[in-house]
Amino acid sequence: MMLSPRSRRRIACLFPQTLLLVVAPGVARADQFLEVADGATIACRVSAHELTRFSLVGDQFASVSKIGTGTPYNDFAVSNEPVRGDIYVSVPETFAAARISFFATTKKGYVYKVSCPIAPIEAAQVFITNPAIAHDDAAHWEAESPPDQTAVRLIQAMAGNATLPGYTVRQASSPPTRVGHLEVQLIAQYQGAALEGRNVRIVNRGDKPITLTSADLAPQGTLALAADTMDLASGAATRAFVVSANGGDRP
């Protein structure tokens, strides 16, 4: 049994769908999570009486530049923890200003301005992510081999549920979709710098065998395709792995 052109188009429309991660409302977050770019300002809240920890995801702080007040009891302190590369800020009760401000340079060469108001909160943690770091890591992994071989490596990684440098992996939460006698569900999406991969589960819900073809599974722009099997008996399932160019560059 072969799929009609209309069914093929419906399957192709399932692959590029966007996945959303939903956080339940009303969940309190004591820690602060920020996404910034090189040269941007890190705007957060620092504790008025306890330590505030700044931690970089995928990077480490290398140095801090600040102007002192000249009066130790009326100045905030910044210390660099050398093992993890975090920095800790402490503010004395005699500090007169309403906010702290300084520049920080990272080991990967990024510079951030920290400008944060002082708040009566407990010890705080600020986790900082720069999307450019993941993009660079993914681009480096993709450049380790020619494009066609990289697409094959991505399929192998998806088949083994592997973690790839710089790649974002999103697990699907949407239910399966029926396309004729087929049940199609997007399981996971891998997004890198130049490539995007999709892990799809396909089940034959009809009462007759179906033989899939690459045209059934590959939407326009597909660079590589693999499946556990293309012959599906009634009730049988297969996994398909599709690699295409990343639809949108990340910064």
Protein backbone atom coordinates (compact mmCIF):
# COMPACT_ATOMS: atom_id res chain seq x y z
CA MET A 1 0.00 0.00 0.00
CA MET A 2 1.44 3.36 -1.04
CA LEU A 3 0.58 6.79 0.32
CA SER A 4 -1.28 9.30 -1.78
CA PRO A 5 0.35 12.69 -2.59
CA ARG A 6 -2.15 14.35 -0.26
CA SER A 7 -1.13 12.12 2.66
CA ARG A 8 2.55 12.79 1.92
CA ARG A 9 1.93 16.53 2.13
CA ARG A 10 0.15 16.10 5.46
CA ILE A 11 3.07 14.11 6.88
CA ALA A 12 5.56 16.71 5.64
CA CYS A 13 3.63 19.44 7.44
CA LEU A 14 4.17 17.64 10.75
CA PHE A 15 7.95 17.77 10.69
CA PRO A 16 8.61 21.53 10.84
CA GLN A 17 6.12 22.18 13.61
CA THR A 18 7.40 24.29 16.51
CA LEU A 19 7.71 22.68 19.92
CA LEU A 20 6.86 24.64 23.04
CA LEU A 21 7.98 23.96 26.59
CA VAL A 22 5.25 25.08 28.97
CA VAL A 23 5.99 25.95 32.57
CA ALA A 24 3.10 25.53 34.94
CA PRO A 25 1.79 28.89 36.20
CA GLY A 26 2.21 29.85 39.79
CA VAL A 27 5.57 28.13 40.25
CA ALA A 28 7.86 30.40 42.21
CA ARG A 29 11.47 30.74 41.06
CA ALA A 30 13.88 31.87 43.76
CA ASP A 31 16.86 31.85 41.40
CA GLN A 32 17.22 34.27 38.52
CA PHE A 33 17.80 33.03 34.96
CA LEU A 34 18.90 35.53 32.33
CA GLU A 35 19.76 35.29 28.63
CA VAL A 36 22.17 37.95 27.37
CA ALA A 37 24.37 38.78 24.40
CA ASP A 38 27.97 39.98 24.29
CA GLY A 39 28.17 43.55 25.56
CA ALA A 40 24.66 43.45 27.02
CA THR A 41 23.59 44.45 30.52
CA ILE A 42 22.89 41.84 33.15
CA ALA A 43 19.91 43.29 35.03
CA CYS A 44 19.00 41.38 38.17
CA ARG A 45 18.48 41.83 41.90
CA VAL A 46 21.26 41.44 44.45
CA SER A 47 20.82 40.69 48.11
CA ALA A 48 21.17 43.64 50.48
CA HIS A 49 22.53 41.58 53.37
CA GLU A 50 23.70 38.22 51.98
CA LEU A 51 25.80 36.94 49.08
CA THR A 52 24.69 37.00 45.46
CA ARG A 53 26.26 34.43 43.17
CA PHE A 54 26.68 35.04 39.42
CA SER A 55 27.25 31.89 37.35
CA LEU A 56 27.76 31.58 33.58
CA VAL A 57 26.34 28.61 31.66
CA GLY A 58 29.07 27.19 29.41
CA ASP A 59 31.61 29.85 30.35
CA GLN A 60 33.47 31.31 33.34
CA PHE A 61 34.21 34.77 34.63
CA ALA A 62 37.85 35.78 34.17
CA SER A 63 38.02 39.32 35.57
CA VAL A 64 35.91 42.12 37.01
CA SER A 65 36.36 45.86 36.50
CA LYS A 66 34.77 48.32 38.91
CA ILE A 67 35.43 51.77 40.31
CA GLY A 68 35.82 51.83 44.07
CA THR A 69 34.37 54.52 46.29
CA GLY A 70 37.66 54.93 48.10
CA THR A 71 35.93 54.06 51.35
CA PRO A 72 35.91 50.32 52.07
CA TYR A 73 32.92 50.45 54.43
CA ASN A 74 30.86 52.24 51.76
CA ASP A 75 31.60 49.92 48.82
CA PHE A 76 30.38 46.54 47.62
CA ALA A 77 32.81 43.65 47.15
CA VAL A 78 33.20 41.26 44.21
CA SER A 79 35.19 38.04 44.56
CA ASN A 80 36.04 35.55 41.82
CA GLU A 81 35.82 31.85 42.71
CA PRO A 82 38.61 30.25 40.62
CA VAL A 83 37.40 26.63 40.41
CA ARG A 84 33.97 27.18 38.83
CA GLY A 85 34.62 30.70 37.58
CA ASP A 86 31.67 32.20 39.46
CA ILE A 87 31.67 35.62 41.09
CA TYR A 88 30.12 36.56 44.43
CA VAL A 89 28.86 40.03 45.35
CA SER A 90 28.39 41.25 48.90
CA VAL A 91 26.90 44.61 49.85
CA PRO A 92 27.54 46.15 53.29
CA GLU A 93 24.74 47.85 55.21
CA THR A 94 26.65 51.13 54.94
CA PHE A 95 26.60 51.08 51.11
CA ALA A 96 24.84 54.29 50.10
CA ALA A 97 23.91 53.63 46.46
CA ALA A 98 20.66 51.92 45.46
CA ARG A 99 22.34 49.61 42.92
CA ILE A 100 25.67 48.06 42.04
CA SER A 101 27.41 48.38 38.67
CA PHE A 102 30.55 46.84 37.18
CA PHE A 103 31.93 45.16 34.05
CA ALA A 104 32.88 41.47 33.82
CA THR A 105 34.98 39.67 31.21
CA THR A 106 34.66 35.92 30.60
CA LYS A 107 37.22 33.29 29.63
CA LYS A 108 35.59 32.96 26.20
CA GLY A 109 36.06 36.66 25.56
CA TYR A 110 32.58 38.03 26.24
CA VAL A 111 32.06 41.25 28.20
CA TYR A 112 28.94 42.04 30.23
CA LYS A 113 27.83 45.06 32.19
CA VAL A 114 26.24 44.18 35.52
CA SER A 115 23.74 46.74 36.75
CA CYS A 116 21.47 45.49 39.51
CA PRO A 117 19.34 47.15 42.19
CA ILE A 118 19.85 46.12 45.80
CA ALA A 119 16.86 44.34 47.30
CA PRO A 120 15.96 42.95 50.74
CA ILE A 121 16.11 39.34 49.59
CA GLU A 122 17.90 36.26 50.85
CA ALA A 123 21.10 34.94 49.31
CA ALA A 124 20.55 34.96 45.54
CA GLN A 125 21.83 33.10 42.49
CA VAL A 126 21.93 34.55 38.98
CA PHE A 127 22.45 32.08 36.10
CA ILE A 128 23.47 33.71 32.81
CA THR A 129 23.18 32.12 29.37
CA ASN A 130 24.61 33.51 26.15
CA PRO A 131 23.03 31.78 23.10
CA ALA A 132 26.13 32.59 21.03
CA ILE A 133 28.15 30.09 23.09
CA ALA A 134 25.87 27.17 22.20
CA HIS A 135 25.75 28.33 18.58
CA ASP A 136 29.56 28.39 18.38
CA ASP A 137 29.83 24.95 20.01
CA ALA A 138 27.28 23.49 17.61
CA ALA A 139 28.99 25.11 14.61
CA HIS A 140 32.33 23.64 15.70
CA TRP A 141 30.81 20.14 15.98
CA GLU A 142 29.17 20.48 12.56
CA ALA A 143 32.45 21.63 10.97
CA GLU A 144 34.31 18.50 12.08
CA SER A 145 33.17 16.65 8.93
CA PRO A 146 31.75 17.42 5.45
CA PRO A 147 28.04 18.38 5.43
CA ASP A 148 26.78 15.01 4.20
CA GLN A 149 28.78 13.13 6.84
CA THR A 150 27.65 15.58 9.52
CA ALA A 151 24.02 14.86 8.62
CA VAL A 152 24.70 11.15 9.07
CA ARG A 153 26.39 11.80 12.42
CA LEU A 154 23.33 13.76 13.53
CA ILE A 155 21.07 10.84 12.60
CA GLN A 156 23.31 8.47 14.57
CA ALA A 157 23.17 10.82 17.56
CA MET A 158 19.38 11.01 17.44
CA ALA A 159 19.07 7.23 17.13
CA GLY A 160 21.22 6.83 20.24
CA ASN A 161 19.59 9.68 22.20
CA ALA A 162 23.00 11.32 22.44
CA THR A 163 23.74 14.84 23.66
CA LEU A 164 25.55 17.03 21.13
CA PRO A 165 27.70 20.12 21.88
CA GLY A 166 25.64 23.28 21.58
CA TYR A 167 22.52 21.50 20.33
CA THR A 168 19.13 22.20 21.85
CA VAL A 169 17.00 19.08 22.27
CA ARG A 170 13.27 19.56 22.75
CA GLN A 171 11.01 16.68 23.64
CA ALA A 172 7.59 16.72 22.00
CA SER A 173 4.47 16.97 24.12
CA SER A 174 1.80 16.94 21.40
CA PRO A 175 -0.28 13.79 20.77
CA PRO A 176 0.05 11.70 17.60
CA THR A 177 -1.64 12.83 14.37
CA ARG A 178 -3.52 10.52 12.03
CA VAL A 179 -2.65 10.73 8.33
CA GLY A 180 -4.76 8.16 6.54
CA HIS A 181 -3.90 4.80 8.09
CA LEU A 182 -0.72 6.18 9.64
CA GLU A 183 -0.24 7.58 13.13
CA VAL A 184 2.61 10.09 13.14
CA GLN A 185 4.19 11.68 16.21
CA LEU A 186 7.18 13.99 16.56
CA ILE A 187 9.27 12.62 19.44
CA ALA A 188 12.24 15.00 19.63
CA GLN A 189 13.78 17.92 17.78
CA TYR A 190 17.52 18.62 17.65
CA GLN A 191 18.52 22.18 16.71
CA GLY A 192 22.10 23.21 16.05
CA ALA A 193 23.85 26.02 14.21
CA ALA A 194 23.23 24.93 10.61
CA LEU A 195 21.33 21.66 10.97
CA GLU A 196 18.08 20.54 12.48
CA GLY A 197 17.06 16.95 13.16
CA ARG A 198 13.69 15.36 13.94
CA ASN A 199 12.94 12.01 15.51
CA VAL A 200 9.50 10.81 14.39
CA ARG A 201 7.50 7.68 15.33
CA ILE A 202 5.18 6.24 12.68
CA VAL A 203 2.59 3.51 13.32
CA ASN A 204 0.49 1.67 10.74
CA ARG A 205 -3.05 1.72 12.15
CA GLY A 206 -4.56 0.17 9.03
CA ASP A 207 -5.38 -3.51 8.49
CA LYS A 208 -2.99 -3.88 5.53
CA PRO A 209 0.81 -3.63 5.24
CA ILE A 210 2.29 -0.31 4.11
CA THR A 211 5.63 0.29 2.41
CA LEU A 212 6.94 3.77 3.08
CA THR A 213 9.19 5.63 0.66
CA SER A 214 11.60 8.50 1.16
CA ALA A 215 9.07 10.75 -0.57
CA ASP A 216 6.54 9.85 2.15
CA LEU A 217 8.85 10.95 4.96
CA ALA A 218 11.09 13.67 3.57
CA PRO A 219 9.71 17.23 3.46
CA GLN A 220 11.21 19.75 1.09
CA GLY A 221 14.78 20.66 2.00
CA THR A 222 15.62 17.30 3.59
CA LEU A 223 19.37 16.62 3.62
CA ALA A 224 19.35 13.10 5.05
CA LEU A 225 16.78 10.50 6.04
CA ALA A 226 16.90 7.15 7.83
CA ALA A 227 14.30 4.79 9.28
CA ASP A 228 14.39 1.56 11.27
CA THR A 229 12.25 -0.04 8.57
CA MET A 230 10.16 1.14 5.64
CA ASP A 231 7.86 -1.92 5.63
CA LEU A 232 5.10 -1.68 8.22
CA ALA A 233 2.75 -4.55 8.93
CA SER A 234 -0.63 -3.75 10.43
CA GLY A 235 -0.03 -2.30 13.91
CA ALA A 236 3.76 -2.09 13.41
CA ALA A 237 5.81 1.03 14.20
CA THR A 238 9.05 2.54 12.97
CA ARG A 239 11.29 5.46 13.83
CA ALA A 240 12.29 7.97 11.17
CA PHE A 241 15.15 10.45 11.48
CA VAL A 242 15.08 13.51 9.25
CA VAL A 243 17.87 16.11 8.93
CA SER A 244 17.37 19.47 7.24
CA ALA A 245 18.95 22.91 7.26
CA ASN A 246 18.20 24.87 10.42
CA GLY A 247 15.21 27.04 9.65
CA GLY A 248 16.41 30.01 11.68
CA ASP A 249 19.88 31.08 12.76
CA ARG A 250 20.32 31.58 16.45
CA PRO A 251 22.32 34.61 17.54
